[in-house]
Protein backbone atom coordinates (compact mmCIF):
# COMPACT_ATOMS: atom_id res chain seq x y z
CA MET A 1 0.01 -0.31 0.00
CA TYR A 2 2.78 2.52 0.82
CA LYS A 3 6.02 3.29 -0.62
CA VAL A 4 9.45 3.19 1.35
CA ILE A 5 10.24 6.62 2.13
CA GLN A 6 12.90 8.04 0.17
CA PRO A 7 15.85 10.41 1.70
CA SER A 8 15.37 13.99 0.61
CA ARG A 9 17.29 14.91 -2.14
CA LEU A 10 19.94 17.69 -1.67
CA TYR A 11 17.98 19.86 -3.89
CA GLN A 12 14.91 19.81 -2.28
CA GLN A 13 16.32 20.91 1.21
CA ILE A 14 17.66 23.96 -0.35
CA VAL A 15 13.96 24.89 -1.67
CA GLN A 16 12.53 23.80 1.53
CA GLN A 17 14.81 26.26 3.54
CA ILE A 18 14.22 29.17 0.93
CA GLU A 19 10.62 28.26 1.53
CA GLU A 20 10.41 28.64 5.03
CA SER A 21 12.51 31.71 4.73
CA VAL A 22 9.98 33.31 2.59
CA GLN A 23 7.19 31.94 4.88
CA LYS A 24 8.70 34.06 8.08
CA GLY A 25 9.42 37.28 6.29
CA VAL A 26 13.58 36.87 6.35
CA LEU A 27 13.42 36.97 1.91
CA LYS A 28 10.87 39.54 0.53
CA PRO A 29 9.42 39.73 -2.52
CA GLY A 30 12.28 41.31 -4.92
CA ASP A 31 14.86 40.76 -2.55
CA GLN A 32 17.31 39.30 -4.83
CA LEU A 33 19.15 35.68 -3.69
CA PRO A 34 22.66 34.95 -4.04
CA ALA A 35 24.69 33.95 -7.17
CA GLU A 36 24.92 30.42 -7.95
CA ARG A 37 28.25 29.56 -6.48
CA GLU A 38 27.82 31.30 -3.48
CA LEU A 39 24.53 29.38 -2.68
CA ALA A 40 26.37 26.43 -3.29
CA GLN A 41 28.95 27.75 -0.92
CA GLN A 42 26.80 28.78 1.69
CA PHE A 43 24.76 25.43 1.82
CA GLY A 44 27.71 23.21 1.01
CA VAL A 45 26.59 21.58 -2.27
CA SER A 46 27.29 21.26 -5.80
CA ARG A 47 26.24 24.21 -8.53
CA THR A 48 23.85 21.17 -10.22
CA ALA A 49 21.50 20.71 -6.60
CA VAL A 50 21.55 24.67 -6.34
CA ARG A 51 20.23 25.01 -10.25
CA GLU A 52 17.91 22.25 -9.74
CA ALA A 53 16.35 24.08 -6.36
CA ILE A 54 16.08 27.44 -8.50
CA LYS A 55 14.09 25.56 -11.14
CA THR A 56 11.87 24.27 -8.86
CA LEU A 57 11.15 27.45 -7.16
CA HIS A 58 10.56 28.60 -10.46
CA GLU A 59 8.13 26.02 -10.62
CA LYS A 60 6.64 27.24 -7.70
CA GLY A 61 6.31 30.66 -8.66
CA LEU A 62 8.61 31.70 -5.46
CA VAL A 63 11.64 33.13 -8.15
CA GLU A 64 11.75 34.69 -11.25
CA ALA A 65 15.19 34.53 -12.86
CA LEU A 66 15.81 37.88 -14.91
CA PRO A 67 18.63 37.78 -17.51
CA GLY A 68 21.58 39.74 -16.64
CA ARG A 69 20.27 40.67 -13.05
CA GLY A 70 19.81 37.66 -11.16
CA THR A 71 17.34 35.61 -9.18
CA PHE A 72 14.56 37.37 -7.01
CA ILE A 73 11.59 36.22 -5.14
CA THR A 74 8.52 36.74 -6.29
CA SER A 75 5.06 36.65 -5.10
CA GLY A 76 2.62 34.21 -5.23
CA THR A 77 0.38 36.86 -6.57
CA SER A 78 1.94 37.81 -9.37
CA HIS A 79 2.44 33.93 -9.97
CA SER A 80 -1.24 33.50 -10.04
CA MET A 81 -2.10 36.54 -11.78
CA ARG A 82 0.28 35.84 -15.01
CA GLN A 83 -0.80 32.65 -15.37
CA SER A 84 -4.23 33.79 -15.29
CA LEU A 85 -3.49 36.87 -17.55
CA ASP A 86 -1.62 33.95 -20.00
CA ARG A 87 -4.60 32.15 -20.18
CA ILE A 88 -6.37 34.50 -21.87
CA LEU A 89 -4.07 35.64 -24.14
CA ARG A 90 -3.29 32.08 -25.13
CA ALA A 91 -7.36 31.11 -25.45
CA GLY A 92 -7.03 32.75 -28.40
CA GLU A 93 -9.61 35.50 -27.65
CA PRO A 94 -10.14 38.14 -30.32
CA GLY A 95 -8.00 41.44 -29.51
CA GLY A 96 -6.16 39.59 -26.59
CA THR A 97 -2.76 41.47 -28.36
CA ALA A 98 -5.09 44.76 -28.40
CA TRP A 99 -5.73 44.58 -24.30
CA LEU A 100 -2.40 44.32 -23.55
CA VAL A 101 -1.64 47.39 -25.02
CA GLU A 102 -4.45 49.17 -23.30
CA PHE A 103 -3.81 47.79 -19.99
CA ARG A 104 -0.18 49.16 -20.16
CA GLU A 105 -1.58 53.27 -21.72
CA ILE A 106 -3.58 52.77 -18.51
CA LEU A 107 -0.46 51.85 -16.11
CA GLU A 108 2.79 52.51 -17.56
CA PRO A 109 2.59 56.75 -18.24
CA GLU A 110 1.73 56.92 -14.39
CA ILE A 111 4.85 54.80 -13.69
CA ALA A 112 7.37 56.78 -15.86
CA ALA A 113 5.88 60.11 -13.85
CA LEU A 114 6.46 58.41 -10.78
CA ALA A 115 9.77 57.40 -11.46
CA ALA A 116 10.51 60.90 -12.45
CA VAL A 117 9.76 62.37 -8.87
CA ARG A 118 11.40 58.47 -7.00
CA ALA A 119 13.68 57.31 -9.03
CA GLY A 120 17.30 57.06 -7.51
CA GLU A 121 20.61 56.77 -8.55
CA GLN A 122 20.66 53.16 -8.67
CA ASP A 123 17.14 53.47 -10.99
CA ILE A 124 19.10 55.66 -13.48
CA THR A 125 22.17 53.44 -13.65
CA ALA A 126 19.92 50.62 -14.52
CA MET A 127 17.76 52.65 -17.28
CA HIS A 128 20.90 54.04 -18.80
CA ASP A 129 22.65 50.12 -18.83
CA ALA A 130 19.40 48.80 -20.73
CA ILE A 131 19.67 51.38 -23.44
CA ARG A 132 23.38 51.06 -23.51
CA VAL A 133 22.50 47.24 -24.23
CA MET A 134 19.71 47.92 -26.96
CA ASP A 135 21.93 50.12 -28.71
CA ALA A 136 24.27 48.08 -29.31
CA ALA A 137 22.10 45.01 -29.79
CA GLN A 138 19.67 46.69 -33.01
CA ARG A 139 19.96 43.09 -34.89
CA ASP A 140 19.91 40.67 -31.84
CA LEU A 141 16.30 39.90 -31.45
CA GLU A 142 16.71 38.38 -27.85
CA ALA A 143 19.17 40.59 -26.53
CA PHE A 144 16.97 43.93 -27.52
CA ILE A 145 14.42 42.48 -26.06
CA GLU A 146 15.79 41.36 -22.78
CA ALA A 147 17.22 45.41 -22.77
CA ASP A 148 14.50 46.37 -23.40
CA LEU A 149 12.38 44.63 -20.20
CA ASP A 150 14.96 45.33 -18.19
CA PHE A 151 14.26 49.37 -18.97
CA HIS A 152 10.87 49.03 -18.02
CA LEU A 153 11.54 46.97 -14.87
CA ALA A 154 13.70 49.62 -13.68
CA LEU A 155 11.09 51.83 -14.20
CA ALA A 156 8.47 50.15 -12.72
CA GLU A 157 10.75 49.75 -9.63
CA ALA A 158 11.80 53.66 -9.77
CA ALA A 159 8.40 54.00 -8.84
CA ALA A 160 8.76 52.39 -5.92
CA ASN A 161 5.53 50.97 -5.11
CA PRO A 162 5.29 47.03 -4.84
CA ILE A 163 1.65 46.71 -6.26
CA ILE A 164 2.91 48.54 -9.39
CA LEU A 165 5.85 46.08 -9.39
CA SER A 166 3.81 43.23 -9.10
CA LEU A 167 1.31 44.30 -11.43
CA ILE A 168 4.35 44.77 -14.21
CA ASP A 169 6.03 41.44 -13.21
CA SER A 170 2.78 39.64 -13.86
CA ILE A 171 2.89 40.32 -17.53
CA VAL A 172 6.78 40.04 -18.28
CA VAL A 173 5.82 36.68 -20.17
CA LEU A 174 2.93 38.16 -22.03
CA LEU A 175 5.28 41.49 -22.70
CA ARG A 176 8.14 39.74 -24.00
CA GLU A 177 5.96 37.54 -26.72
CA GLN A 178 4.81 40.90 -27.75
CA ARG A 179 8.25 42.59 -28.50
CA MET A 180 9.26 39.67 -30.24
CA GLN A 181 6.48 39.38 -32.39
CA ILE A 182 6.92 43.03 -33.19
CA PHE A 183 10.89 43.46 -33.20
CA ASN A 184 10.87 42.94 -37.33
CA THR A 185 8.90 46.00 -37.97
CA ALA A 186 10.30 48.23 -40.06
CA GLY A 187 12.04 50.55 -37.93
CA GLY A 188 10.42 49.44 -34.92
CA PRO A 189 13.44 48.91 -32.61
CA ALA A 190 15.28 52.06 -33.72
CA ARG A 191 11.70 53.79 -33.00
CA GLY A 192 11.27 52.61 -30.01
CA GLN A 193 14.89 53.52 -28.52
CA ALA A 194 14.19 57.08 -29.46
CA HIS A 195 10.92 56.53 -26.83
CA HIS A 196 12.85 55.34 -24.56
CA LYS A 197 15.90 57.80 -24.43
CA ARG A 198 13.29 60.59 -24.19
CA ILE A 199 11.56 58.85 -20.90
CA LEU A 200 15.13 58.67 -19.60
CA GLU A 201 15.82 62.33 -19.90
CA ALA A 202 12.61 63.34 -18.31
CA VAL A 203 13.42 60.98 -15.94
CA GLU A 204 16.57 62.20 -14.99
CA ARG A 205 14.92 65.85 -14.85
CA GLY A 206 13.06 64.39 -12.53
CA ASP A 207 10.18 66.28 -15.20
CA ALA A 208 6.70 63.79 -14.39
CA GLN A 209 4.67 65.69 -17.01
CA GLU A 210 7.27 64.70 -19.74
CA ALA A 211 8.20 61.35 -19.09
CA ARG A 212 4.12 60.56 -18.85
CA GLU A 213 3.69 62.35 -22.30
CA ALA A 214 6.90 60.37 -23.61
CA MET A 215 5.65 56.81 -22.37
CA ARG A 216 2.22 57.82 -23.75
CA LEU A 217 4.05 57.77 -27.45
CA HIS A 218 5.82 55.15 -26.85
CA LEU A 219 3.09 53.18 -26.28
CA GLN A 220 1.01 54.52 -29.06
CA GLN A 221 3.80 53.84 -31.09
CA VAL A 222 3.38 49.82 -29.79
CA ARG A 223 -0.09 50.26 -30.83
CA GLU A 224 0.38 51.13 -34.26
CA ASP A 225 3.12 48.35 -34.69
CA SER A 226 0.94 45.66 -33.42
CA SER A 227 -2.04 46.64 -35.57
CA LYS A 228 0.06 46.41 -39.15
CA LEU A 229 1.14 43.16 -37.45
CA ALA A 230 -2.56 42.08 -36.97
CA SER A 231 -3.81 43.30 -40.03
CA ILE A 232 -0.29 41.04 -42.11
CA ARG A 233 -1.90 38.35 -40.62
CA GLU A 234 -5.30 38.44 -41.20
CA PRO A 235 -6.50 36.09 -43.79
CA VAL A 236 -6.85 37.23 -47.05
CA ASP A 237 -10.92 36.13 -48.44
C-alpha cells in the first residue's frame, strides 16, 4: 500500500529552506538571491543542486530569473496573475493583444511619472545600462528584448510601489512575447529607442509630465506596430 520513503534530495532541502525563509519574512518579494556559486558555498552543495532548486522554486512561482540581473523572490500573487493573464491571451480571445496594449496605456505613463519623482541613482544607472545594451543590439532580437524588458522593469522599480512592481512582473512573459512579435516591424527598434531615451531624459530631469507624455507616445507606437502586424496576419478572402 505504501511506498518506501526515500531520503530527501539535496535540492529539495534547499527549496525547503528558501521556502521557510519566505514564509518567515526573512526573504521578501523583490529580494535578490545570491549568485549560484555563492549559494552552493552557503549550502555546502554542488552548483547542480542549486540549479535544480532554483528551477523548482521558479516552477512554484517563488522566484523569477531576470537575464543579466539575477534571481529574485516573487510573490505568489504575481505568479497566479501571470498564469491567469497568460491563459486569457493563449485562449485565442479576440483582441487579446489589443487588451495588453490598452492595459499598458493605462498603467505605464503613470509609472514613468512616478519614476521621474522617485528614481534613485541606482534606478537611473539600470535604465542607462539597458539603453546601452539596446543600442548595441539593434539586430540581436533576444538581447534587445531582454534589455527592453530591463528598462521597463527599472522604471517600475523606480516608482517605489510594490503593487506596481507586482503588476508589471505579472505581465513580463506577455510583454516579451509582444516584443518578439513586433521586433521586425520596419524601423521598430530604432523608434522604440528614441522613445526610451526621451523617457529617461525626462526621468533624469525629474519632469513627471514629460515622462508621462514620452511613455504615452511610446505606447502609441507599440499600438500602431501591433495593429500593422495584426493586419498582415489577417487571412485574405
